[in-house]
Amino acid sequence: MNIVRRCGGAVLAVAGVAAVGAIALPAVAKADAPECGAARVTGISSVLDTFATGSAAGPSVLFGVAIVPLSQPLPAPLDSVQSQAVGRGADTVQQMRSDAPQQIDQARGVVAPLAGGNEFANQGVDATADGLDTAATTAGPAIAPGDTSLHEVATSVRGAHEAAPAAC
């Protein structure tokens, strides 16, 4: 009870800020939100999400790993080629990072018509996940700890579900 008295003012302040945010934010979000994005497609959209995440850091990480052996000094005739290759590699990484979001959005637009089959595809996703769960439960201790991994894969597979496309 003492905690409620001590924290009551803070709770009311947080609740007040949340209420003001709930009133003000939808108006701002509606003004800035695009009318309708590309429909999400079961299985494919989650792969494109992974590519979008990887495209932000992946090229830089790979270049960082590759630069370690490439930055070792080479003898005189090859040193100029080495510096050009490293410079072009850095430019290529920057180009990939800047072009990737647009290319992924284009891919989303290309596959969007397939969203009409989401209900059917979701049934396939459920059947696959249920099969994995059944195999893990049936085999149980005989494949331990693989049974836990199969249950986790089934949960991950169910994450590929997408809703039917909304009308815009």
N, C-alpha and C. Protein backbone atom coordinates (compact mmCIF):
# COMPACT_ATOMS: atom_id res chain seq x y z
N MET A 1 0.82 -1.19 0.00
CA MET A 1 0.00 0.00 0.00
C MET A 1 0.87 1.26 0.00
N ASN A 2 1.99 1.22 0.77
CA ASN A 2 2.88 2.37 0.80
C ASN A 2 3.50 2.62 -0.57
N ILE A 3 3.76 1.54 -1.31
CA ILE A 3 4.36 1.69 -2.64
C ILE A 3 3.39 2.43 -3.55
N VAL A 4 2.12 2.11 -3.45
CA VAL A 4 1.11 2.78 -4.28
C VAL A 4 1.05 4.26 -3.94
N ARG A 5 1.13 4.59 -2.66
CA ARG A 5 1.10 6.01 -2.26
C ARG A 5 2.33 6.74 -2.78
N ARG A 6 3.51 6.10 -2.65
CA ARG A 6 4.74 6.74 -3.09
C ARG A 6 4.80 6.87 -4.61
N CYS A 7 4.33 5.85 -5.32
CA CYS A 7 4.44 5.83 -6.77
C CYS A 7 3.17 6.29 -7.46
N GLY A 8 2.13 6.55 -6.70
CA GLY A 8 0.85 6.92 -7.30
C GLY A 8 0.95 8.12 -8.21
N GLY A 9 1.68 9.14 -7.79
CA GLY A 9 1.82 10.33 -8.63
C GLY A 9 2.54 10.02 -9.93
N ALA A 10 3.56 9.19 -9.86
CA ALA A 10 4.29 8.83 -11.08
C ALA A 10 3.42 8.00 -12.00
N VAL A 11 2.62 7.10 -11.43
CA VAL A 11 1.74 6.27 -12.25
C VAL A 11 0.72 7.14 -12.95
N LEU A 12 0.14 8.10 -12.23
CA LEU A 12 -0.83 9.00 -12.84
C LEU A 12 -0.19 9.85 -13.93
N ALA A 13 1.03 10.30 -13.70
CA ALA A 13 1.72 11.10 -14.71
C ALA A 13 1.99 10.27 -15.96
N VAL A 14 2.45 9.04 -15.79
CA VAL A 14 2.70 8.16 -16.94
C VAL A 14 1.40 7.87 -17.67
N ALA A 15 0.33 7.61 -16.93
CA ALA A 15 -0.96 7.33 -17.55
C ALA A 15 -1.45 8.56 -18.31
N GLY A 16 -1.24 9.76 -17.76
CA GLY A 16 -1.64 10.98 -18.45
C GLY A 16 -0.87 11.19 -19.73
N VAL A 17 0.43 10.97 -19.69
CA VAL A 17 1.25 11.11 -20.89
C VAL A 17 0.82 10.09 -21.94
N ALA A 18 0.54 8.87 -21.50
CA ALA A 18 0.10 7.84 -22.44
C ALA A 18 -1.23 8.20 -23.08
N ALA A 19 -2.13 8.77 -22.29
CA ALA A 19 -3.44 9.16 -22.83
C ALA A 19 -3.28 10.29 -23.85
N VAL A 20 -2.45 11.28 -23.54
CA VAL A 20 -2.21 12.38 -24.49
C VAL A 20 -1.56 11.84 -25.75
N GLY A 21 -0.60 10.92 -25.60
CA GLY A 21 0.06 10.31 -26.76
C GLY A 21 -0.92 9.53 -27.60
N ALA A 22 -1.84 8.84 -26.96
CA ALA A 22 -2.82 8.05 -27.71
C ALA A 22 -3.76 8.94 -28.50
N ILE A 23 -3.99 10.13 -28.00
CA ILE A 23 -4.88 11.05 -28.72
C ILE A 23 -4.11 11.76 -29.84
N ALA A 24 -2.88 12.20 -29.56
CA ALA A 24 -2.14 13.01 -30.53
C ALA A 24 -1.45 12.18 -31.61
N LEU A 25 -0.93 11.00 -31.26
CA LEU A 25 -0.15 10.23 -32.22
C LEU A 25 -0.94 9.69 -33.40
N PRO A 26 -2.18 9.18 -33.23
CA PRO A 26 -2.88 8.68 -34.41
C PRO A 26 -3.09 9.73 -35.48
N ALA A 27 -3.31 10.98 -35.07
CA ALA A 27 -3.51 12.03 -36.07
C ALA A 27 -2.23 12.26 -36.87
N VAL A 28 -1.08 12.23 -36.19
CA VAL A 28 0.19 12.41 -36.87
C VAL A 28 0.49 11.21 -37.75
N ALA A 29 0.26 10.02 -37.23
CA ALA A 29 0.57 8.80 -37.99
C ALA A 29 -0.27 8.71 -39.25
N LYS A 30 -1.53 9.10 -39.18
CA LYS A 30 -2.39 9.04 -40.36
C LYS A 30 -1.92 9.99 -41.44
N ALA A 31 -1.42 11.15 -41.04
CA ALA A 31 -0.96 12.12 -42.03
C ALA A 31 0.30 11.66 -42.74
N ASP A 32 1.19 10.97 -42.01
CA ASP A 32 2.46 10.55 -42.59
C ASP A 32 2.43 9.16 -43.20
N ALA A 33 1.43 8.36 -42.86
CA ALA A 33 1.40 6.96 -43.31
C ALA A 33 1.05 6.86 -44.79
N PRO A 34 1.71 5.95 -45.50
CA PRO A 34 1.33 5.74 -46.89
C PRO A 34 -0.06 5.12 -46.95
N GLU A 35 -0.72 5.31 -48.08
CA GLU A 35 -2.09 4.81 -48.19
C GLU A 35 -2.15 3.30 -48.02
N CYS A 36 -1.34 2.57 -48.74
CA CYS A 36 -1.39 1.12 -48.64
C CYS A 36 -0.06 0.55 -49.13
N GLY A 37 0.58 -0.24 -48.29
CA GLY A 37 1.84 -0.86 -48.70
C GLY A 37 1.58 -2.15 -49.46
N ALA A 38 2.64 -2.76 -49.91
CA ALA A 38 2.52 -4.04 -50.62
C ALA A 38 1.98 -5.09 -49.66
N ALA A 39 1.08 -5.92 -50.15
CA ALA A 39 0.51 -6.98 -49.33
C ALA A 39 1.60 -7.96 -48.92
N ARG A 40 1.49 -8.47 -47.71
CA ARG A 40 2.47 -9.44 -47.21
C ARG A 40 2.07 -10.84 -47.64
N VAL A 41 3.06 -11.62 -48.05
CA VAL A 41 2.83 -12.95 -48.58
C VAL A 41 3.42 -13.97 -47.61
N THR A 42 2.62 -15.00 -47.30
CA THR A 42 3.07 -16.04 -46.38
C THR A 42 4.41 -16.62 -46.82
N GLY A 43 5.36 -16.65 -45.90
CA GLY A 43 6.67 -17.23 -46.16
C GLY A 43 7.62 -16.28 -46.87
N ILE A 44 7.18 -15.65 -47.93
CA ILE A 44 8.07 -14.81 -48.74
C ILE A 44 8.37 -13.49 -48.02
N SER A 45 7.35 -12.88 -47.41
CA SER A 45 7.56 -11.60 -46.75
C SER A 45 8.54 -11.71 -45.58
N SER A 46 8.49 -12.81 -44.85
CA SER A 46 9.44 -12.97 -43.74
C SER A 46 10.87 -13.13 -44.26
N VAL A 47 11.03 -13.77 -45.41
CA VAL A 47 12.37 -13.88 -46.02
C VAL A 47 12.85 -12.50 -46.46
N LEU A 48 11.97 -11.71 -47.06
CA LEU A 48 12.34 -10.36 -47.48
C LEU A 48 12.66 -9.48 -46.27
N ASP A 49 11.95 -9.68 -45.16
CA ASP A 49 12.28 -8.95 -43.93
C ASP A 49 13.70 -9.28 -43.46
N THR A 50 14.05 -10.57 -43.57
CA THR A 50 15.40 -11.00 -43.18
C THR A 50 16.44 -10.35 -44.10
N PHE A 51 16.16 -10.34 -45.40
CA PHE A 51 17.08 -9.69 -46.34
C PHE A 51 17.22 -8.20 -46.03
N ALA A 52 16.11 -7.55 -45.69
CA ALA A 52 16.16 -6.12 -45.38
C ALA A 52 17.03 -5.86 -44.16
N THR A 53 16.90 -6.72 -43.16
CA THR A 53 17.72 -6.56 -41.96
C THR A 53 19.19 -6.83 -42.28
N GLY A 54 19.43 -7.89 -43.03
CA GLY A 54 20.81 -8.24 -43.39
C GLY A 54 21.47 -7.23 -44.30
N SER A 55 20.68 -6.59 -45.17
CA SER A 55 21.27 -5.64 -46.11
C SER A 55 21.76 -4.38 -45.42
N ALA A 56 21.25 -4.11 -44.21
CA ALA A 56 21.69 -2.93 -43.49
C ALA A 56 23.11 -3.10 -42.95
N ALA A 57 23.43 -4.29 -42.48
CA ALA A 57 24.74 -4.50 -41.86
C ALA A 57 25.59 -5.53 -42.57
N GLY A 58 24.96 -6.47 -43.26
CA GLY A 58 25.68 -7.58 -43.87
C GLY A 58 26.85 -7.21 -44.75
N PRO A 59 26.65 -6.34 -45.75
CA PRO A 59 27.78 -6.01 -46.62
C PRO A 59 28.95 -5.40 -45.87
N SER A 60 28.66 -4.55 -44.90
CA SER A 60 29.74 -3.93 -44.13
C SER A 60 30.50 -4.95 -43.30
N VAL A 61 29.77 -5.88 -42.72
CA VAL A 61 30.41 -6.91 -41.90
C VAL A 61 31.29 -7.79 -42.78
N LEU A 62 30.75 -8.24 -43.91
CA LEU A 62 31.54 -9.08 -44.81
C LEU A 62 32.78 -8.35 -45.32
N PHE A 63 32.62 -7.07 -45.66
CA PHE A 63 33.77 -6.30 -46.12
C PHE A 63 34.79 -6.14 -45.00
N GLY A 64 34.30 -5.95 -43.77
CA GLY A 64 35.20 -5.84 -42.63
C GLY A 64 36.02 -7.11 -42.42
N VAL A 65 35.38 -8.26 -42.62
CA VAL A 65 36.10 -9.53 -42.49
C VAL A 65 37.10 -9.69 -43.63
N ALA A 66 36.68 -9.32 -44.85
CA ALA A 66 37.55 -9.48 -46.01
C ALA A 66 38.72 -8.50 -46.01
N ILE A 67 38.53 -7.34 -45.40
CA ILE A 67 39.57 -6.31 -45.44
C ILE A 67 40.80 -6.70 -44.62
N VAL A 68 40.60 -7.56 -43.63
CA VAL A 68 41.74 -7.94 -42.78
C VAL A 68 42.84 -8.59 -43.61
N PRO A 69 42.58 -9.66 -44.36
CA PRO A 69 43.68 -10.20 -45.16
C PRO A 69 44.05 -9.31 -46.34
N LEU A 70 43.07 -8.58 -46.89
CA LEU A 70 43.37 -7.72 -48.04
C LEU A 70 44.21 -6.50 -47.69
N SER A 71 44.24 -6.13 -46.44
CA SER A 71 44.98 -4.94 -46.05
C SER A 71 46.45 -5.23 -45.72
N GLN A 72 46.85 -6.49 -45.79
CA GLN A 72 48.26 -6.81 -45.57
C GLN A 72 49.08 -6.27 -46.73
N PRO A 73 50.19 -5.61 -46.47
CA PRO A 73 50.97 -4.98 -47.55
C PRO A 73 51.48 -6.01 -48.56
N LEU A 74 51.34 -5.65 -49.81
CA LEU A 74 51.84 -6.48 -50.90
C LEU A 74 53.09 -5.83 -51.49
N PRO A 75 53.89 -6.60 -52.24
CA PRO A 75 55.09 -6.03 -52.87
C PRO A 75 54.72 -4.91 -53.85
N ALA A 76 55.73 -4.15 -54.23
CA ALA A 76 55.59 -2.92 -55.02
C ALA A 76 54.69 -3.01 -56.25
N PRO A 77 54.76 -3.93 -57.13
CA PRO A 77 53.89 -3.82 -58.30
C PRO A 77 52.42 -4.08 -57.96
N LEU A 78 52.14 -4.83 -56.89
CA LEU A 78 50.77 -5.18 -56.55
C LEU A 78 50.11 -4.22 -55.57
N ASP A 79 50.91 -3.34 -54.95
CA ASP A 79 50.34 -2.46 -53.93
C ASP A 79 49.31 -1.48 -54.49
N SER A 80 49.51 -1.01 -55.72
CA SER A 80 48.53 -0.09 -56.30
C SER A 80 47.22 -0.81 -56.64
N VAL A 81 47.33 -2.04 -57.12
CA VAL A 81 46.13 -2.83 -57.42
C VAL A 81 45.37 -3.13 -56.12
N GLN A 82 46.13 -3.41 -55.08
CA GLN A 82 45.51 -3.69 -53.79
C GLN A 82 44.73 -2.48 -53.29
N SER A 83 45.33 -1.31 -53.35
CA SER A 83 44.63 -0.12 -52.85
C SER A 83 43.39 0.19 -53.70
N GLN A 84 43.47 -0.04 -55.02
CA GLN A 84 42.30 0.17 -55.87
C GLN A 84 41.19 -0.82 -55.52
N ALA A 85 41.56 -2.08 -55.30
CA ALA A 85 40.57 -3.11 -54.97
C ALA A 85 39.88 -2.80 -53.65
N VAL A 86 40.63 -2.36 -52.66
CA VAL A 86 40.05 -2.03 -51.37
C VAL A 86 39.13 -0.82 -51.51
N GLY A 87 39.56 0.18 -52.26
CA GLY A 87 38.72 1.37 -52.49
C GLY A 87 37.43 1.03 -53.22
N ARG A 88 37.53 0.22 -54.26
CA ARG A 88 36.33 -0.19 -55.01
C ARG A 88 35.42 -1.06 -54.15
N GLY A 89 36.02 -1.88 -53.31
CA GLY A 89 35.22 -2.72 -52.41
C GLY A 89 34.40 -1.86 -51.46
N ALA A 90 35.01 -0.82 -50.92
CA ALA A 90 34.30 0.08 -50.02
C ALA A 90 33.17 0.79 -50.75
N ASP A 91 33.42 1.22 -51.99
CA ASP A 91 32.38 1.88 -52.79
C ASP A 91 31.24 0.91 -53.09
N THR A 92 31.57 -0.34 -53.39
CA THR A 92 30.56 -1.35 -53.69
C THR A 92 29.69 -1.62 -52.48
N VAL A 93 30.30 -1.71 -51.31
CA VAL A 93 29.54 -1.94 -50.08
C VAL A 93 28.58 -0.78 -49.85
N GLN A 94 29.05 0.43 -50.03
CA GLN A 94 28.18 1.60 -49.83
C GLN A 94 27.03 1.58 -50.83
N GLN A 95 27.31 1.23 -52.07
CA GLN A 95 26.27 1.16 -53.10
C GLN A 95 25.25 0.08 -52.76
N MET A 96 25.72 -1.07 -52.30
CA MET A 96 24.80 -2.16 -51.93
C MET A 96 23.90 -1.73 -50.77
N ARG A 97 24.45 -1.05 -49.80
CA ARG A 97 23.66 -0.62 -48.65
C ARG A 97 22.62 0.42 -49.04
N SER A 98 22.94 1.28 -50.00
CA SER A 98 21.98 2.30 -50.39
C SER A 98 20.93 1.77 -51.36
N ASP A 99 21.28 0.80 -52.20
CA ASP A 99 20.34 0.26 -53.19
C ASP A 99 19.43 -0.84 -52.63
N ALA A 100 19.87 -1.54 -51.63
CA ALA A 100 19.15 -2.71 -51.13
C ALA A 100 17.71 -2.41 -50.70
N PRO A 101 17.45 -1.36 -49.92
CA PRO A 101 16.07 -1.14 -49.50
C PRO A 101 15.10 -0.95 -50.67
N GLN A 102 15.53 -0.22 -51.68
CA GLN A 102 14.67 0.00 -52.85
C GLN A 102 14.45 -1.32 -53.60
N GLN A 103 15.48 -2.12 -53.74
CA GLN A 103 15.34 -3.40 -54.45
C GLN A 103 14.44 -4.36 -53.67
N ILE A 104 14.54 -4.36 -52.36
CA ILE A 104 13.69 -5.22 -51.54
C ILE A 104 12.24 -4.76 -51.63
N ASP A 105 12.02 -3.45 -51.61
CA ASP A 105 10.66 -2.94 -51.77
C ASP A 105 10.08 -3.31 -53.14
N GLN A 106 10.92 -3.28 -54.18
CA GLN A 106 10.46 -3.70 -55.51
C GLN A 106 10.08 -5.18 -55.49
N ALA A 107 10.88 -6.00 -54.82
CA ALA A 107 10.57 -7.43 -54.72
C ALA A 107 9.25 -7.64 -53.96
N ARG A 108 9.02 -6.84 -52.93
CA ARG A 108 7.74 -6.93 -52.20
C ARG A 108 6.57 -6.63 -53.13
N GLY A 109 6.73 -5.63 -53.98
CA GLY A 109 5.68 -5.29 -54.94
C GLY A 109 5.44 -6.39 -55.96
N VAL A 110 6.52 -7.05 -56.37
CA VAL A 110 6.40 -8.13 -57.37
C VAL A 110 5.64 -9.33 -56.78
N VAL A 111 5.91 -9.68 -55.54
CA VAL A 111 5.28 -10.86 -54.94
C VAL A 111 3.94 -10.57 -54.29
N ALA A 112 3.58 -9.30 -54.14
CA ALA A 112 2.34 -8.92 -53.46
C ALA A 112 1.09 -9.61 -54.02
N PRO A 113 0.96 -9.79 -55.33
CA PRO A 113 -0.24 -10.48 -55.82
C PRO A 113 -0.41 -11.90 -55.28
N LEU A 114 0.67 -12.51 -54.86
CA LEU A 114 0.58 -13.87 -54.30
C LEU A 114 -0.11 -13.90 -52.95
N ALA A 115 -0.32 -12.72 -52.34
CA ALA A 115 -0.96 -12.66 -51.02
C ALA A 115 -2.38 -13.20 -51.06
N GLY A 116 -2.99 -13.25 -52.24
CA GLY A 116 -4.32 -13.82 -52.35
C GLY A 116 -4.36 -15.27 -51.93
N GLY A 117 -3.25 -15.95 -51.96
CA GLY A 117 -3.17 -17.35 -51.55
C GLY A 117 -2.70 -17.55 -50.13
N ASN A 118 -2.70 -16.50 -49.32
CA ASN A 118 -2.20 -16.62 -47.94
C ASN A 118 -2.95 -17.67 -47.12
N GLU A 119 -4.26 -17.73 -47.25
CA GLU A 119 -5.02 -18.70 -46.45
C GLU A 119 -4.57 -20.13 -46.79
N PHE A 120 -4.42 -20.42 -48.07
CA PHE A 120 -3.97 -21.74 -48.49
C PHE A 120 -2.54 -22.00 -48.03
N ALA A 121 -1.67 -21.00 -48.21
CA ALA A 121 -0.27 -21.14 -47.79
C ALA A 121 -0.17 -21.30 -46.27
N ASN A 122 -1.02 -20.61 -45.53
CA ASN A 122 -1.01 -20.75 -44.07
C ASN A 122 -1.37 -22.17 -43.65
N GLN A 123 -2.25 -22.83 -44.41
CA GLN A 123 -2.58 -24.22 -44.12
C GLN A 123 -1.34 -25.11 -44.30
N GLY A 124 -0.56 -24.82 -45.35
CA GLY A 124 0.68 -25.56 -45.56
C GLY A 124 1.69 -25.31 -44.46
N VAL A 125 1.76 -24.06 -44.00
CA VAL A 125 2.66 -23.72 -42.89
C VAL A 125 2.23 -24.48 -41.64
N ASP A 126 0.92 -24.48 -41.36
CA ASP A 126 0.43 -25.21 -40.18
C ASP A 126 0.71 -26.70 -40.28
N ALA A 127 0.50 -27.28 -41.47
CA ALA A 127 0.74 -28.71 -41.65
C ALA A 127 2.22 -29.05 -41.43
N THR A 128 3.10 -28.21 -41.94
CA THR A 128 4.55 -28.43 -41.76
C THR A 128 4.91 -28.32 -40.28
N ALA A 129 4.43 -27.28 -39.61
CA ALA A 129 4.75 -27.09 -38.20
C ALA A 129 4.16 -28.21 -37.35
N ASP A 130 2.93 -28.61 -37.66
CA ASP A 130 2.32 -29.71 -36.91
C ASP A 130 3.10 -31.01 -37.11
N GLY A 131 3.58 -31.25 -38.33
CA GLY A 131 4.40 -32.43 -38.60
C GLY A 131 5.69 -32.42 -37.80
N LEU A 132 6.31 -31.26 -37.72
CA LEU A 132 7.54 -31.15 -36.93
C LEU A 132 7.26 -31.39 -35.45
N ASP A 133 6.16 -30.81 -34.94
CA ASP A 133 5.81 -31.02 -33.53
C ASP A 133 5.49 -32.49 -33.26
N THR A 134 4.78 -33.12 -34.17
CA THR A 134 4.44 -34.54 -33.99
C THR A 134 5.69 -35.41 -33.99
N ALA A 135 6.60 -35.12 -34.92
CA ALA A 135 7.84 -35.88 -34.97
C ALA A 135 8.65 -35.70 -33.70
N ALA A 136 8.71 -34.48 -33.20
CA ALA A 136 9.46 -34.21 -31.99
C ALA A 136 8.83 -34.89 -30.78
N THR A 137 7.51 -34.86 -30.70
CA THR A 137 6.81 -35.47 -29.57
C THR A 137 6.91 -37.00 -29.64
N THR A 138 6.76 -37.55 -30.83
CA THR A 138 6.79 -39.00 -31.00
C THR A 138 8.18 -39.55 -30.71
N ALA A 139 9.19 -38.92 -31.27
CA ALA A 139 10.56 -39.41 -31.08
C ALA A 139 11.08 -39.08 -29.69
N GLY A 140 10.64 -37.95 -29.15
CA GLY A 140 10.96 -37.52 -27.79
C GLY A 140 12.38 -37.77 -27.35
N PRO A 141 12.53 -38.53 -26.28
CA PRO A 141 13.85 -38.75 -25.68
C PRO A 141 14.84 -39.45 -26.60
N ALA A 142 14.35 -40.17 -27.59
CA ALA A 142 15.26 -40.89 -28.48
C ALA A 142 16.12 -39.93 -29.30
N ILE A 143 15.62 -38.74 -29.55
CA ILE A 143 16.39 -37.78 -30.35
C ILE A 143 16.80 -36.55 -29.55
N ALA A 144 16.62 -36.61 -28.22
CA ALA A 144 16.95 -35.46 -27.37
C ALA A 144 18.41 -35.07 -27.57
N PRO A 145 18.75 -33.84 -27.61
CA PRO A 145 17.96 -32.63 -27.49
C PRO A 145 17.34 -32.17 -28.82
N GLY A 146 17.38 -33.02 -29.82
CA GLY A 146 16.81 -32.66 -31.12
C GLY A 146 15.32 -32.42 -31.07
N ASP A 147 14.62 -33.05 -30.09
CA ASP A 147 13.18 -32.83 -30.00
C ASP A 147 12.87 -31.38 -29.64
N THR A 148 13.66 -30.81 -28.76
CA THR A 148 13.48 -29.39 -28.41
C THR A 148 13.74 -28.52 -29.62
N SER A 149 14.76 -28.85 -30.37
CA SER A 149 15.08 -28.08 -31.58
C SER A 149 13.94 -28.17 -32.60
N LEU A 150 13.36 -29.35 -32.76
CA LEU A 150 12.24 -29.50 -33.70
C LEU A 150 11.04 -28.67 -33.26
N HIS A 151 10.76 -28.64 -31.97
CA HIS A 151 9.66 -27.80 -31.48
C HIS A 151 9.95 -26.32 -31.75
N GLU A 152 11.20 -25.91 -31.58
CA GLU A 152 11.57 -24.52 -31.84
C GLU A 152 11.47 -24.19 -33.33
N VAL A 153 11.86 -25.13 -34.18
CA VAL A 153 11.73 -24.92 -35.63
C VAL A 153 10.26 -24.82 -36.00
N ALA A 154 9.41 -25.64 -35.40
CA ALA A 154 7.97 -25.58 -35.67
C ALA A 154 7.41 -24.22 -35.28
N THR A 155 7.83 -23.70 -34.15
CA THR A 155 7.39 -22.37 -33.72
C THR A 155 7.85 -21.31 -34.71
N SER A 156 9.08 -21.44 -35.17
CA SER A 156 9.61 -20.50 -36.16
C SER A 156 8.85 -20.58 -37.48
N VAL A 157 8.51 -21.80 -37.90
CA VAL A 157 7.76 -21.99 -39.14
C VAL A 157 6.39 -21.32 -39.03
N ARG A 158 5.75 -21.45 -37.88
CA ARG A 158 4.44 -20.80 -37.68
C ARG A 158 4.55 -19.28 -37.78
N GLY A 159 5.72 -18.74 -37.55
CA GLY A 159 5.93 -17.29 -37.67
C GLY A 159 5.83 -16.80 -39.10
N ALA A 160 5.77 -17.71 -40.07
CA ALA A 160 5.66 -17.30 -41.48
C ALA A 160 4.22 -16.96 -41.85
N HIS A 161 3.28 -17.17 -40.95
CA HIS A 161 1.88 -16.85 -41.24
C HIS A 161 1.72 -15.38 -41.62
N GLU A 162 0.88 -15.13 -42.56
CA GLU A 162 0.49 -13.75 -42.91
C GLU A 162 -1.02 -13.71 -43.04
N ALA A 163 -1.60 -12.60 -42.68
CA ALA A 163 -3.05 -12.43 -42.79
C ALA A 163 -3.44 -12.22 -44.24
N ALA A 164 -4.71 -12.44 -44.52
CA ALA A 164 -5.22 -12.15 -45.86
C ALA A 164 -5.04 -10.67 -46.13
N PRO A 165 -4.78 -10.29 -47.37
CA PRO A 165 -4.54 -8.88 -47.67
C PRO A 165 -5.77 -8.02 -47.37
N ALA A 166 -5.52 -6.86 -46.80
CA ALA A 166 -6.60 -5.93 -46.49
C ALA A 166 -6.91 -5.08 -47.72
N ALA A 167 -8.16 -4.72 -47.85
CA ALA A 167 -8.55 -3.86 -48.97
C ALA A 167 -8.08 -2.43 -48.69
N CYS A 168 -7.55 -1.79 -49.71
CA CYS A 168 -7.07 -0.40 -49.54
C CYS A 168 -8.04 0.57 -50.15
